[in-house]
Protein backbone atom coordinates (compact mmCIF):
# COMPACT_ATOMS: atom_id res chain seq x y z
CA MET A 1 4.94 -22.37 -1.13
CA GLN A 2 4.77 -23.55 2.44
CA ASN A 3 8.06 -21.82 4.35
CA SER A 4 7.14 -22.12 8.02
CA LYS A 5 5.40 -23.86 10.75
CA ILE A 6 2.76 -22.75 13.42
CA ASN A 7 1.96 -24.00 16.82
CA LEU A 8 -1.57 -22.93 17.60
CA THR A 9 -3.28 -23.05 20.97
CA MET A 10 -6.97 -21.68 21.37
CA HIS A 11 -8.37 -21.52 24.57
CA ILE A 12 -12.21 -21.45 24.72
CA ILE A 13 -14.43 -20.34 27.75
CA GLN A 14 -18.24 -20.57 27.40
CA ASP A 15 -20.16 -19.99 30.59
CA ASN A 16 -18.42 -22.76 32.78
CA ASP A 17 -16.99 -24.77 30.04
CA ARG A 18 -13.32 -24.51 29.19
CA SER A 19 -11.78 -26.15 26.19
CA THR A 20 -8.34 -26.06 24.53
CA THR A 21 -7.45 -27.04 20.95
CA GLU A 22 -3.63 -27.40 20.06
CA TYR A 23 -2.11 -28.22 16.69
CA GLU A 24 0.83 -27.77 14.66
CA ALA A 25 0.67 -27.14 10.96
CA ASP A 26 2.91 -26.10 7.72
CA ALA A 27 2.19 -22.64 6.75
CA THR A 28 3.04 -19.83 4.20
CA PHE A 29 4.00 -16.66 5.91
CA LEU A 30 5.11 -13.40 4.19
CA GLU A 31 5.89 -9.89 5.32
CA LYS A 32 5.52 -6.78 2.84
CA ASN A 33 6.01 -3.13 4.24
CA GLY A 34 5.74 -4.27 7.85
CA GLU A 35 2.29 -6.32 7.47
CA PHE A 36 2.37 -9.98 7.62
CA SER A 37 0.12 -12.95 6.11
CA LEU A 38 0.15 -16.16 7.27
CA SER A 39 -1.92 -18.71 5.90
CA PHE A 40 -2.38 -22.59 6.86
CA HIS A 41 -4.99 -25.59 6.78
CA GLU A 42 -6.69 -26.40 9.69
CA GLN A 43 -7.87 -30.23 10.06
CA ASN A 44 -11.20 -30.68 11.07
CA TYR A 45 -11.48 -33.20 13.88
CA GLY A 46 -13.67 -36.44 12.99
CA ASP A 47 -13.68 -35.74 9.31
CA GLU A 48 -11.45 -35.13 6.42
CA GLU A 49 -12.50 -31.47 5.77
CA LEU A 50 -9.94 -28.73 5.65
CA THR A 51 -10.44 -24.96 6.57
CA GLN A 52 -8.43 -22.59 4.92
CA CYS A 53 -7.34 -20.21 7.56
CA ARG A 54 -5.59 -16.71 6.75
CA LEU A 55 -4.49 -13.91 9.10
CA GLU A 56 -3.73 -10.39 7.89
CA ILE A 57 -1.37 -8.73 10.59
CA SER A 58 -0.68 -5.13 11.09
CA ASP A 59 0.79 -2.85 14.01
CA ASP A 60 -2.78 -2.13 14.89
CA SER A 61 -5.01 -4.69 13.67
CA LEU A 62 -5.48 -8.51 12.79
CA ARG A 63 -7.95 -9.68 10.18
CA MET A 64 -9.05 -13.49 10.52
CA ARG A 65 -10.64 -15.40 7.64
CA ARG A 66 -11.51 -19.05 7.83
CA ASN A 67 -13.10 -20.89 4.73
CA GLY A 68 -14.56 -24.20 5.33
CA PRO A 69 -17.68 -25.96 6.23
CA ILE A 70 -17.85 -22.87 8.25
CA VAL A 71 -16.81 -19.28 7.21
CA VAL A 72 -15.52 -16.95 9.67
CA GLU A 73 -14.75 -13.39 8.88
CA GLN A 74 -13.06 -11.34 12.15
CA THR A 75 -11.36 -8.07 12.30
CA HIS A 76 -9.36 -7.46 15.62
CA VAL A 77 -8.36 -3.87 16.90
CA LYS A 78 -7.23 -3.82 20.59
CA ASP A 79 -9.60 -2.21 23.27
CA GLU A 80 -12.14 -1.63 20.17
CA MET A 81 -15.65 -3.44 19.28
CA THR A 82 -15.32 -4.59 15.61
CA ASP A 83 -17.99 -6.42 13.42
CA GLY A 84 -17.81 -9.95 11.95
CA TYR A 85 -19.89 -12.71 10.80
CA ILE A 86 -20.06 -16.49 10.88
CA LYS A 87 -21.43 -18.30 8.08
CA THR A 88 -23.15 -21.90 8.69
CA PRO A 89 -24.96 -24.11 6.22
CA PHE A 90 -27.88 -22.66 8.39
CA GLY A 91 -27.44 -19.17 7.50
CA ARG A 92 -25.35 -16.16 8.45
CA VAL A 93 -24.87 -14.89 11.99
CA LEU A 94 -23.64 -11.28 12.73
CA THR A 95 -20.85 -11.04 15.33
CA LYS A 96 -19.22 -8.46 17.48
CA LEU A 97 -15.65 -8.72 18.89
CA ARG A 98 -14.16 -7.05 21.76
CA THR A 99 -10.66 -7.40 21.62
CA PHE A 100 -8.76 -7.10 24.86
CA ARG A 101 -5.34 -8.58 23.94
CA PHE A 102 -3.58 -8.30 20.81
CA SER A 103 0.27 -8.51 20.68
CA TYR A 104 2.39 -9.57 17.77
CA THR A 105 6.18 -9.62 18.31
CA LYS A 106 9.20 -11.06 16.88
CA GLN A 107 11.40 -13.23 19.53
CA ASP A 108 15.16 -13.15 19.67
CA ASN A 109 15.35 -16.83 18.38
CA GLY A 110 13.62 -15.43 15.10
CA ASP A 111 10.25 -16.88 15.78
CA TYR A 112 7.13 -14.75 15.68
CA PHE A 113 4.45 -14.58 18.56
CA LEU A 114 0.91 -13.82 18.11
CA GLU A 115 -1.37 -13.22 21.04
CA LEU A 116 -4.90 -12.41 20.67
CA GLY A 117 -7.72 -12.47 23.36
CA TYR A 118 -11.26 -11.42 22.71
CA ASP A 119 -15.13 -11.80 23.65
CA LEU A 120 -17.44 -12.82 20.80
CA TYR A 121 -20.99 -11.43 21.05
CA THR A 122 -23.96 -12.71 18.92
CA GLU A 123 -27.36 -10.83 19.30
CA GLU A 124 -25.87 -8.55 22.01
CA GLU A 125 -25.12 -11.52 24.24
CA ARG A 126 -21.60 -12.71 24.96
CA THR A 127 -21.07 -16.24 23.79
CA GLY A 128 -17.65 -16.85 24.55
CA THR A 129 -14.26 -15.53 25.35
CA TYR A 130 -11.35 -16.86 23.35
CA LEU A 131 -7.64 -16.86 23.99
CA LEU A 132 -5.45 -17.65 20.66
CA GLU A 133 -1.61 -18.02 20.78
CA ILE A 134 0.43 -18.82 17.53
CA ILE A 135 4.09 -19.37 17.32
CA VAL A 136 5.23 -18.96 13.62
CA THR A 137 8.66 -20.72 13.01
CA VAL A 138 10.05 -19.53 9.57
CA GLU A 139 12.06 -22.33 7.98
């Protein structure tokens, strides 16, 4: 049951390379006991594959799960280092995440705004900085 729309923007910085991905998607947004769940499908560019995305958001953490050709599991807690993993057809890679920005607020117009910033580490080396913004409009 899709009951909302999202506008997602992801900025990725890897060494001197910068890229931005933006898209809109229909989503399912639920709130229960002050915790939020957001589910949506992400279309992979250049093919017909869909990635199922689910965010579980509480006051102090965000759990991100992406199921598709590549599976990603991440937990974010502001100002903490947390563990995660990326599973590819070539194997599983353990990751560490240093979340330096995490904000989730309800706007005056009723939309929700999520802002997440983190550094991703694989094998003790920083592989990129990620800045994610999602606007959730509940219909």
